[in-house]
C-alpha atoms as a PDB file:
ATOM      1  CA  MET A   1      42.316 -23.389  55.572  1.00  0.00           C
ATOM      2  CA  ARG A   2      39.855 -22.189  58.173  1.00  0.00           C
ATOM      3  CA  VAL A   3      40.037 -22.910  61.878  1.00  0.00           C
ATOM      4  CA  ALA A   4      37.894 -21.822  64.808  1.00  0.00           C
ATOM      5  CA  ASN A   5      37.533 -22.113  68.570  1.00  0.00           C
ATOM      6  CA  ILE A   6      34.184 -23.679  69.427  1.00  0.00           C
ATOM      7  CA  ASP A   7      33.419 -24.452  73.058  1.00  0.00           C
ATOM      8  CA  GLY A   8      37.096 -23.946  73.869  1.00  0.00           C
ATOM      9  CA  ARG A   9      38.351 -26.543  71.371  1.00  0.00           C
ATOM     10  CA  LEU A  10      40.315 -26.126  68.174  1.00  0.00           C
ATOM     11  CA  VAL A  11      38.278 -27.173  65.120  1.00  0.00           C
ATOM     12  CA  LEU A  12      39.078 -27.318  61.420  1.00  0.00           C
ATOM     13  CA  ARG A  13      36.485 -26.441  58.819  1.00  0.00           C
ATOM     14  CA  ARG A  14      35.793 -28.817  55.945  1.00  0.00           C
ATOM     15  CA  ALA A  15      33.122 -28.782  53.266  1.00  0.00           C
ATOM     16  CA  ASP A  16      30.844 -30.935  55.456  1.00  0.00           C
ATOM     17  CA  GLY A  17      31.328 -29.025  58.710  1.00  0.00           C
ATOM     18  CA  TYR A  18      33.978 -28.849  61.436  1.00  0.00           C
ATOM     19  CA  ILE A  19      36.227 -31.597  62.766  1.00  0.00           C
ATOM     20  CA  ASP A  20      37.736 -31.661  66.254  1.00  0.00           C
ATOM     21  CA  VAL A  21      41.509 -31.326  65.765  1.00  0.00           C
ATOM     22  CA  GLU A  22      42.602 -33.327  68.804  1.00  0.00           C
ATOM     23  CA  ARG A  23      40.410 -36.309  67.924  1.00  0.00           C
ATOM     24  CA  ALA A  24      41.070 -36.181  64.185  1.00  0.00           C
ATOM     25  CA  SER A  25      44.848 -35.935  64.670  1.00  0.00           C
ATOM     26  CA  GLY A  26      44.935 -38.784  67.189  1.00  0.00           C
ATOM     27  CA  GLY A  27      46.295 -36.419  69.825  1.00  0.00           C
ATOM     28  CA  ARG A  28      49.158 -35.083  67.733  1.00  0.00           C
ATOM     29  CA  PHE A  29      47.636 -31.634  68.203  1.00  0.00           C
ATOM     30  CA  GLY A  30      45.803 -30.756  71.380  1.00  0.00           C
ATOM     31  CA  PRO A  31      42.405 -29.136  71.865  1.00  0.00           C
ATOM     32  CA  ASP A  32      43.817 -25.701  72.797  1.00  0.00           C
ATOM     33  CA  PRO A  33      43.550 -23.283  69.847  1.00  0.00           C
ATOM     34  CA  GLN A  34      46.570 -21.340  71.081  1.00  0.00           C
ATOM     35  CA  GLY A  35      48.669 -24.501  71.050  1.00  0.00           C
ATOM     36  CA  ALA A  36      48.526 -24.796  67.252  1.00  0.00           C
ATOM     37  CA  PHE A  37      50.940 -21.861  66.929  1.00  0.00           C
ATOM     38  CA  ALA A  38      53.729 -23.809  68.647  1.00  0.00           C
ATOM     39  CA  ASP A  39      54.125 -25.791  65.397  1.00  0.00           C
ATOM     40  CA  TRP A  40      52.169 -23.822  62.837  1.00  0.00           C
ATOM     41  CA  ASP A  41      53.940 -25.332  59.844  1.00  0.00           C
ATOM     42  CA  GLY A  42      53.328 -28.867  61.097  1.00  0.00           C
ATOM     43  CA  PHE A  43      49.732 -28.038  61.907  1.00  0.00           C
ATOM     44  CA  THR A  44      48.975 -26.562  58.496  1.00  0.00           C
ATOM     45  CA  GLU A  45      50.564 -29.564  56.757  1.00  0.00           C
ATOM     46  CA  TRP A  46      48.377 -31.948  58.772  1.00  0.00           C
ATOM     47  CA  ALA A  47      45.281 -29.779  58.301  1.00  0.00           C
ATOM     48  CA  ARG A  48      45.505 -29.800  54.520  1.00  0.00           C
ATOM     49  CA  GLU A  49      45.657 -33.592  54.539  1.00  0.00           C
ATOM     50  CA  ALA A  50      42.737 -33.721  56.976  1.00  0.00           C
ATOM     51  CA  GLN A  51      40.675 -31.476  54.730  1.00  0.00           C
ATOM     52  CA  ALA A  52      41.141 -33.924  51.854  1.00  0.00           C
ATOM     53  CA  ALA A  53      40.147 -36.945  53.947  1.00  0.00           C
ATOM     54  CA  PRO A  54      36.803 -38.684  53.306  1.00  0.00           C
ATOM     55  CA  GLU A  55      33.805 -37.035  54.901  1.00  0.00           C
ATOM     56  CA  GLY A  56      32.275 -38.603  57.960  1.00  0.00           C
ATOM     57  CA  GLU A  57      33.029 -37.105  61.372  1.00  0.00           C
ATOM     58  CA  ALA A  58      32.407 -33.409  60.792  1.00  0.00           C
ATOM     59  CA  VAL A  59      29.684 -31.582  62.700  1.00  0.00           C
ATOM     60  CA  LEU A  60      27.891 -28.296  62.188  1.00  0.00           C
ATOM     61  CA  PRO A  61      27.829 -25.842  65.116  1.00  0.00           C
ATOM     62  CA  GLY A  62      24.513 -25.503  66.916  1.00  0.00           C
ATOM     63  CA  GLU A  63      22.836 -22.439  68.368  1.00  0.00           C
ATOM     64  CA  GLY A  64      24.092 -23.391  71.820  1.00  0.00           C
ATOM     65  CA  ASP A  65      27.741 -23.709  70.806  1.00  0.00           C
ATOM     66  CA  LEU A  66      30.053 -21.030  72.160  1.00  0.00           C
ATOM     67  CA  TRP A  67      32.385 -19.405  69.646  1.00  0.00           C
ATOM     68  CA  ASP A  68      35.446 -18.242  71.533  1.00  0.00           C
ATOM     69  CA  PRO A  69      38.197 -16.114  69.942  1.00  0.00           C
ATOM     70  CA  PRO A  70      40.246 -18.205  67.485  1.00  0.00           C
ATOM     71  CA  VAL A  71      43.379 -16.857  69.210  1.00  0.00           C
ATOM     72  CA  PRO A  72      42.484 -16.882  72.912  1.00  0.00           C
ATOM     73  CA  ARG A  73      45.802 -16.050  74.638  1.00  0.00           C
ATOM     74  CA  PRO A  74      48.181 -14.048  72.421  1.00  0.00           C
ATOM     75  CA  ALA A  75      51.468 -12.979  73.967  1.00  0.00           C
ATOM     76  CA  GLN A  76      51.172  -9.566  72.322  1.00  0.00           C
ATOM     77  CA  ILE A  77      48.281  -7.565  70.869  1.00  0.00           C
ATOM     78  CA  PHE A  78      49.308  -4.647  68.674  1.00  0.00           C
ATOM     79  CA  ALA A  79      46.771  -2.129  67.415  1.00  0.00           C
ATOM     80  CA  VAL A  80      47.153   0.640  64.857  1.00  0.00           C
ATOM     81  CA  GLY A  81      45.258   3.916  64.832  1.00  0.00           C
ATOM     82  CA  LEU A  82      44.650   6.340  61.983  1.00  0.00           C
ATOM     83  CA  ASN A  83      45.481   3.833  59.251  1.00  0.00           C
ATOM     84  CA  TYR A  84      42.793   4.762  56.688  1.00  0.00           C
ATOM     85  CA  ARG A  85      42.954   8.175  55.039  1.00  0.00           C
ATOM     86  CA  ASP A  86      39.202   8.719  55.277  1.00  0.00           C
ATOM     87  CA  HIS A  87      39.321   8.029  59.038  1.00  0.00           C
ATOM     88  CA  VAL A  88      42.262  10.423  59.420  1.00  0.00           C
ATOM     89  CA  ALA A  89      40.256  13.068  57.564  1.00  0.00           C
ATOM     90  CA  GLU A  90      37.109  12.605  59.679  1.00  0.00           C
ATOM     91  CA  SER A  91      39.330  12.920  62.776  1.00  0.00           C
ATOM     92  CA  GLY A  92      40.620  16.302  61.531  1.00  0.00           C
ATOM     93  CA  LEU A  93      44.245  15.145  61.466  1.00  0.00           C
ATOM     94  CA  GLN A  94      47.099  14.781  58.987  1.00  0.00           C
ATOM     95  CA  ASP A  95      48.189  11.438  57.502  1.00  0.00           C
ATOM     96  CA  PRO A  96      50.766   9.861  59.823  1.00  0.00           C
ATOM     97  CA  THR A  97      54.299   9.170  58.634  1.00  0.00           C
ATOM     98  CA  GLU A  98      54.643   6.312  61.131  1.00  0.00           C
ATOM     99  CA  PRO A  99      51.941   3.877  62.300  1.00  0.00           C
ATOM    100  CA  ALA A 100      50.202   5.076  65.466  1.00  0.00           C
ATOM    101  CA  VAL A 101      50.687   1.959  67.618  1.00  0.00           C
ATOM    102  CA  PHE A 102      49.087   1.063  70.939  1.00  0.00           C
ATOM    103  CA  THR A 103      48.056  -2.196  72.577  1.00  0.00           C
ATOM    104  CA  LYS A 104      44.849  -3.846  73.653  1.00  0.00           C
ATOM    105  CA  PHE A 105      45.111  -6.065  76.712  1.00  0.00           C
ATOM    106  CA  ALA A 106      44.339  -9.769  76.394  1.00  0.00           C
ATOM    107  CA  THR A 107      41.473  -9.682  78.905  1.00  0.00           C
ATOM    108  CA  SER A 108      39.509  -7.619  76.362  1.00  0.00           C
ATOM    109  CA  LEU A 109      39.290 -10.564  73.927  1.00  0.00           C
ATOM    110  CA  THR A 110      35.935 -12.214  73.284  1.00  0.00           C
ATOM    111  CA  GLY A 111      34.334 -14.205  70.498  1.00  0.00           C
ATOM    112  CA  HIS A 112      31.512 -14.414  67.975  1.00  0.00           C
ATOM    113  CA  ARG A 113      28.015 -14.245  69.523  1.00  0.00           C
ATOM    114  CA  HIS A 114      29.419 -13.158  72.895  1.00  0.00           C
ATOM    115  CA  GLY A 115      27.675 -10.216  74.532  1.00  0.00           C
ATOM    116  CA  VAL A 116      29.602  -7.096  75.507  1.00  0.00           C
ATOM    117  CA  SER A 117      28.629  -5.310  78.733  1.00  0.00           C
ATOM    118  CA  LEU A 118      28.829  -1.589  78.009  1.00  0.00           C
ATOM    119  CA  PRO A 119      30.569   0.452  80.709  1.00  0.00           C
ATOM    120  CA  GLU A 120      29.494   3.972  81.547  1.00  0.00           C
ATOM    121  CA  GLY A 121      30.689   6.383  78.900  1.00  0.00           C
ATOM    122  CA  LEU A 122      30.650   6.600  75.112  1.00  0.00           C
ATOM    123  CA  VAL A 123      31.343   3.244  73.456  1.00  0.00           C
ATOM    124  CA  ASP A 124      32.263   3.447  69.782  1.00  0.00           C
ATOM    125  CA  TRP A 125      32.736   0.804  67.070  1.00  0.00           C
ATOM    126  CA  GLU A 126      35.830   0.228  64.875  1.00  0.00           C
ATOM    127  CA  ALA A 127      35.680  -2.615  62.329  1.00  0.00           C
ATOM    128  CA  GLU A 128      39.170  -4.008  61.707  1.00  0.00           C
ATOM    129  CA  LEU A 129      41.101  -6.643  59.820  1.00  0.00           C
ATOM    130  CA  VAL A 130      43.175  -8.575  62.370  1.00  0.00           C
ATOM    131  CA  VAL A 131      46.425 -10.284  61.385  1.00  0.00           C
ATOM    132  CA  VAL A 132      47.507 -13.419  63.274  1.00  0.00           C
ATOM    133  CA  VAL A 133      51.255 -14.086  63.340  1.00  0.00           C
ATOM    134  CA  GLY A 134      52.213 -17.698  62.623  1.00  0.00           C
ATOM    135  CA  ARG A 135      56.013 -17.636  62.605  1.00  0.00           C
ATOM    136  CA  HIS A 136      58.582 -15.754  64.673  1.00  0.00           C
ATOM    137  CA  CYS A 137      59.412 -12.505  62.958  1.00  0.00           C
ATOM    138  CA  HIS A 138      62.137  -9.942  63.670  1.00  0.00           C
ATOM    139  CA  ARG A 139      63.235  -7.280  61.181  1.00  0.00           C
ATOM    140  CA  ALA A 140      61.061  -8.609  58.382  1.00  0.00           C
ATOM    141  CA  THR A 141      61.176  -7.255  54.840  1.00  0.00           C
ATOM    142  CA  ARG A 142      58.165  -6.488  52.665  1.00  0.00           C
ATOM    143  CA  GLU A 143      59.065  -9.492  50.534  1.00  0.00           C
ATOM    144  CA  THR A 144      58.957 -11.888  53.497  1.00  0.00           C
ATOM    145  CA  ALA A 145      56.193 -10.252  55.555  1.00  0.00           C
ATOM    146  CA  TRP A 146      53.253 -12.394  54.400  1.00  0.00           C
ATOM    147  CA  SER A 147      55.230 -15.588  55.033  1.00  0.00           C
ATOM    148  CA  HIS A 148      55.056 -14.841  58.761  1.00  0.00           C
ATOM    149  CA  VAL A 149      51.241 -14.577  58.761  1.00  0.00           C
ATOM    150  CA  ALA A 150      49.192 -17.539  59.995  1.00  0.00           C
ATOM    151  CA  GLY A 151      45.901 -16.022  58.961  1.00  0.00           C
ATOM    152  CA  LEU A 152      43.401 -13.203  59.028  1.00  0.00           C
ATOM    153  CA  THR A 153      40.276 -12.747  61.092  1.00  0.00           C
ATOM    154  CA  VAL A 154      37.528 -10.218  61.798  1.00  0.00           C
ATOM    155  CA  GLY A 155      37.901  -7.887  64.760  1.00  0.00           C
ATOM    156  CA  GLN A 156      36.322  -4.955  66.532  1.00  0.00           C
ATOM    157  CA  ASP A 157      38.382  -2.355  68.376  1.00  0.00           C
ATOM    158  CA  LEU A 158      35.608  -1.188  70.693  1.00  0.00           C
ATOM    159  CA  SER A 159      36.514   2.096  72.345  1.00  0.00           C
ATOM    160  CA  GLU A 160      35.179   4.058  75.311  1.00  0.00           C
ATOM    161  CA  ARG A 161      35.937   7.547  74.059  1.00  0.00           C
ATOM    162  CA  ARG A 162      35.844   9.481  77.351  1.00  0.00           C
ATOM    163  CA  LEU A 163      38.607   7.435  78.965  1.00  0.00           C
ATOM    164  CA  GLN A 164      40.500   7.015  75.687  1.00  0.00           C
ATOM    165  CA  LEU A 165      40.787  10.766  75.149  1.00  0.00           C
ATOM    166  CA  THR A 166      41.410  11.763  78.768  1.00  0.00           C
ATOM    167  CA  GLY A 167      44.493  13.992  78.840  1.00  0.00           C
ATOM    168  CA  PRO A 168      47.020  15.326  78.960  1.00  0.00           C
ATOM    169  CA  ALA A 169      48.239  11.950  77.608  1.00  0.00           C
ATOM    170  CA  PRO A 170      45.412   9.958  75.939  1.00  0.00           C
ATOM    171  CA  GLN A 171      44.582   6.557  77.450  1.00  0.00           C
ATOM    172  CA  PHE A 172      44.231   4.545  74.232  1.00  0.00           C
ATOM    173  CA  SER A 173      45.109   1.142  75.701  1.00  0.00           C
ATOM    174  CA  LEU A 174      42.858   1.445  78.761  1.00  0.00           C
ATOM    175  CA  GLY A 175      39.959   3.043  76.878  1.00  0.00           C
ATOM    176  CA  LYS A 176      40.012   0.161  74.390  1.00  0.00           C
ATOM    177  CA  SER A 177      40.489  -2.733  76.826  1.00  0.00           C
ATOM    178  CA  TYR A 178      37.331  -3.147  78.871  1.00  0.00           C
ATOM    179  CA  PRO A 179      36.150  -6.790  79.016  1.00  0.00           C
ATOM    180  CA  GLY A 180      34.761  -7.762  75.614  1.00  0.00           C
ATOM    181  CA  PHE A 181      36.272  -4.762  73.804  1.00  0.00           C
ATOM    182  CA  ALA A 182      38.205  -6.985  71.368  1.00  0.00           C
ATOM    183  CA  PRO A 183      35.693  -9.299  69.678  1.00  0.00           C
ATOM    184  CA  LEU A 184      37.466 -11.683  67.318  1.00  0.00           C
ATOM    185  CA  GLY A 185      36.370 -14.374  64.867  1.00  0.00           C
ATOM    186  CA  PRO A 186      34.491 -16.391  63.961  1.00  0.00           C
ATOM    187  CA  GLU A 187      37.324 -18.078  62.021  1.00  0.00           C
ATOM    188  CA  LEU A 188      41.012 -17.679  61.280  1.00  0.00           C
ATOM    189  CA  VAL A 189      41.536 -17.915  57.506  1.00  0.00           C
ATOM    190  CA  THR A 190      44.957 -18.575  55.975  1.00  0.00           C
ATOM    191  CA  PRO A 191      46.238 -16.072  53.356  1.00  0.00           C
ATOM    192  CA  ASP A 192      46.187 -18.612  50.512  1.00  0.00           C
ATOM    193  CA  GLU A 193      42.366 -18.594  50.652  1.00  0.00           C
ATOM    194  CA  PHE A 194      42.267 -15.065  49.154  1.00  0.00           C
ATOM    195  CA  ASP A 195      42.807 -13.888  45.601  1.00  0.00           C
ATOM    196  CA  ASP A 196      44.323 -10.708  47.067  1.00  0.00           C
ATOM    197  CA  PRO A 197      44.663 -10.568  50.865  1.00  0.00           C
ATOM    198  CA  ASP A 198      45.591  -6.865  50.613  1.00  0.00           C
ATOM    199  CA  ASP A 199      42.203  -5.878  49.143  1.00  0.00           C
ATOM    200  CA  LEU A 200      39.197  -7.075  51.159  1.00  0.00           C
ATOM    201  CA  GLU A 201      35.881  -5.350  51.813  1.00  0.00           C
ATOM    202  CA  LEU A 202      35.204  -4.743  55.503  1.00  0.00           C
ATOM    203  CA  GLY A 203      32.584  -2.962  57.514  1.00  0.00           C
ATOM    204  CA  CYS A 204      30.053  -3.106  60.292  1.00  0.00           C
ATOM    205  CA  ARG A 205      26.361  -2.496  60.749  1.00  0.00           C
ATOM    206  CA  LEU A 206      23.670  -2.824  63.344  1.00  0.00           C
ATOM    207  CA  GLU A 207      21.483  -5.904  63.130  1.00  0.00           C
ATOM    208  CA  ASP A 208      18.533  -3.701  62.132  1.00  0.00           C
ATOM    209  CA  GLY A 209      20.413  -2.968  58.886  1.00  0.00           C
ATOM    210  CA  GLU A 210      21.977   0.443  59.580  1.00  0.00           C
ATOM    211  CA  ILE A 211      25.408   0.517  57.904  1.00  0.00           C
ATOM    212  CA  LEU A 212      28.029   2.125  60.130  1.00  0.00           C
ATOM    213  CA  GLN A 213      31.244   1.516  58.177  1.00  0.00           C
ATOM    214  CA  LYS A 214      32.133   0.112  54.759  1.00  0.00           C
ATOM    215  CA  SER A 215      35.502   0.240  53.005  1.00  0.00           C
ATOM    216  CA  ARG A 216      38.320  -1.913  51.648  1.00  0.00           C
ATOM    217  CA  THR A 217      41.621  -2.858  53.238  1.00  0.00           C
ATOM    218  CA  SER A 218      43.399  -1.566  50.123  1.00  0.00           C
ATOM    219  CA  ASN A 219      42.655   1.905  51.514  1.00  0.00           C
ATOM    220  CA  MET A 220      45.087   1.456  54.405  1.00  0.00           C
ATOM    221  CA  ILE A 221      47.928   3.954  54.685  1.00  0.00           C
ATOM    222  CA  PHE A 222      50.241   1.198  55.979  1.00  0.00           C
ATOM    223  CA  ASP A 223      49.270  -2.156  54.469  1.00  0.00           C
ATOM    224  CA  VAL A 224      49.785  -5.517  56.177  1.00  0.00           C
ATOM    225  CA  PRO A 225      53.374  -6.067  54.907  1.00  0.00           C
ATOM    226  CA  GLU A 226      54.358  -2.538  55.923  1.00  0.00           C
ATOM    227  CA  LEU A 227      52.901  -2.961  59.415  1.00  0.00           C
ATOM    228  CA  ILE A 228      54.817  -6.201  59.874  1.00  0.00           C
ATOM    229  CA  VAL A 229      58.021  -4.519  58.695  1.00  0.00           C
ATOM    230  CA  ARG A 230      57.620  -1.541  61.008  1.00  0.00           C
ATOM    231  CA  LEU A 231      56.475  -3.465  64.075  1.00  0.00           C
ATOM    232  CA  SER A 232      59.080  -6.218  63.729  1.00  0.00           C
ATOM    233  CA  ALA A 233      61.833  -3.629  63.334  1.00  0.00           C
ATOM    234  CA  VAL A 234      61.291  -2.870  67.031  1.00  0.00           C
ATOM    235  CA  CYS A 235      59.483  -5.832  68.611  1.00  0.00           C
ATOM    236  CA  PRO A 236      59.982  -9.475  67.673  1.00  0.00           C
ATOM    237  CA  LEU A 237      56.577 -10.806  66.610  1.00  0.00           C
ATOM    238  CA  LEU A 238      55.707 -14.152  68.170  1.00  0.00           C
ATOM    239  CA  PRO A 239      53.513 -17.004  66.890  1.00  0.00           C
ATOM    240  CA  GLY A 240      49.946 -16.284  67.924  1.00  0.00           C
ATOM    241  CA  ASP A 241      50.390 -12.500  68.249  1.00  0.00           C
ATOM    242  CA  LEU A 242      47.595 -10.258  66.957  1.00  0.00           C
ATOM    243  CA  ILE A 243      47.764  -7.053  64.927  1.00  0.00           C
ATOM    244  CA  PHE A 244      44.590  -4.932  64.749  1.00  0.00           C
ATOM    245  CA  THR A 245      45.288  -3.005  61.546  1.00  0.00           C
ATOM    246  CA  GLY A 246      43.067   0.073  61.912  1.00  0.00           C
ATOM    247  CA  THR A 247      39.568   1.186  61.006  1.00  0.00           C
ATOM    248  CA  PRO A 248      38.045   3.180  58.137  1.00  0.00           C
ATOM    249  CA  ALA A 249      35.771   6.211  58.325  1.00  0.00           C
ATOM    250  CA  GLY A 250      32.345   6.044  59.932  1.00  0.00           C
ATOM    251  CA  VAL A 251      33.068   5.870  63.655  1.00  0.00           C
ATOM    252  CA  GLY A 252      30.402   7.292  65.925  1.00  0.00           C
ATOM    253  CA  GLY A 253      32.579   9.866  67.625  1.00  0.00           C
ATOM    254  CA  ALA A 254      33.285  11.631  64.320  1.00  0.00           C
ATOM    255  CA  ARG A 255      29.616  11.977  63.350  1.00  0.00           C
ATOM    256  CA  THR A 256      27.411  15.030  63.700  1.00  0.00           C
ATOM    257  CA  PRO A 257      25.612  14.443  65.981  1.00  0.00           C
ATOM    258  CA  GLN A 258      27.791  11.833  67.612  1.00  0.00           C
ATOM    259  CA  ARG A 259      26.411   8.271  67.751  1.00  0.00           C
ATOM    260  CA  PHE A 260      27.441   5.555  70.194  1.00  0.00           C
ATOM    261  CA  LEU A 261      26.432   1.978  71.005  1.00  0.00           C
ATOM    262  CA  ALA A 262      23.543   1.285  73.359  1.00  0.00           C
ATOM    263  CA  PRO A 263      22.314  -1.784  75.264  1.00  0.00           C
ATOM    264  CA  GLY A 264      20.024  -3.933  73.128  1.00  0.00           C
ATOM    265  CA  GLU A 265      21.830  -3.196  69.869  1.00  0.00           C
ATOM    266  CA  VAL A 266      23.660  -5.967  68.019  1.00  0.00           C
ATOM    267  CA  LEU A 267      26.891  -5.056  66.241  1.00  0.00           C
ATOM    268  CA  VAL A 268      27.581  -7.090  63.090  1.00  0.00           C
ATOM    269  CA  THR A 269      31.093  -6.883  61.606  1.00  0.00           C
ATOM    270  CA  TRP A 270      32.172  -8.504  58.352  1.00  0.00           C
ATOM    271  CA  ILE A 271      35.225  -8.947  56.152  1.00  0.00           C
ATOM    272  CA  GLU A 272      35.030 -10.352  52.644  1.00  0.00           C
ATOM    273  CA  GLY A 273      36.261 -13.934  52.475  1.00  0.00           C
ATOM    274  CA  ILE A 274      36.533 -14.324  56.246  1.00  0.00           C
ATOM    275  CA  GLY A 275      33.057 -14.113  57.715  1.00  0.00           C
ATOM    276  CA  THR A 276      30.728 -12.216  60.013  1.00  0.00           C
ATOM    277  CA  LEU A 277      31.182 -11.435  63.692  1.00  0.00           C
ATOM    278  CA  ARG A 278      28.044 -10.770  65.752  1.00  0.00           C
ATOM    279  CA  ASN A 279      28.077  -9.209  69.231  1.00  0.00           C
ATOM    280  CA  PRO A 280      25.050  -8.085  71.286  1.00  0.00           C
ATOM    281  CA  MET A 281      25.548  -4.977  73.392  1.00  0.00           C
ATOM    282  CA  LEU A 282      24.397  -5.459  76.994  1.00  0.00           C
ATOM    283  CA  ALA A 283      23.588  -3.195  79.926  1.00  0.00           C
ATOM    284  CA  PRO A 284      26.357  -2.955  82.560  1.00  0.00           C
END
């Protein structure tokens, strides 16, 4: 199952396009994409029946349609640093024994095709698999972890490195939470759509073709089940929460010479089986 947020409304993808959930469900489910998580099991049951219905009312998005984040108002946004060994190595650090957890603030969320105004400083890219929680989760086990996942989506953990690394205590959350610094989308894809949701290619490039990052999620130090176990051991995870799971090697700040995003560039981020997220970089 694939859902999206187009022009602020929850839509369900079918073979012939997208259907508006509120209209197709006769009002059983509202237009707000965040509202689907209040009854995720009921929503997914209805959605699978709706996908099998005869074709007829689906539409294809146009160039003028606005793709907002598929999860627009999460209660909690967790993010994990240093979760790929090659990224740890390029950072000159040792593999962590516990996930390095911080948060991104909800006002940093944006969607597919949305522009990002670059603040002064050094803005870096970080392609990430983002987990969307579908069911309340506290003290999960590895065996139950995936059952609490609503779906997966593509994300970017954009980072202004000067503020992020300002000491003596680094400012990870602030440096990664400027408006637009958490692009998300274009779709949320349920785990059953993947042959192996723990092994997906991901990466990002500039629209001119320059590859910036390319790896596989199987290279994580702490995989999705382990992150859910460790996070939920401390914080109850709520339906609609987001987990940014970390980025592989290739970030601009670790290059020689360093390389950062500039106005006029378009950042294209992809994950196998989910889709492609496109975000133009704009002048302040």
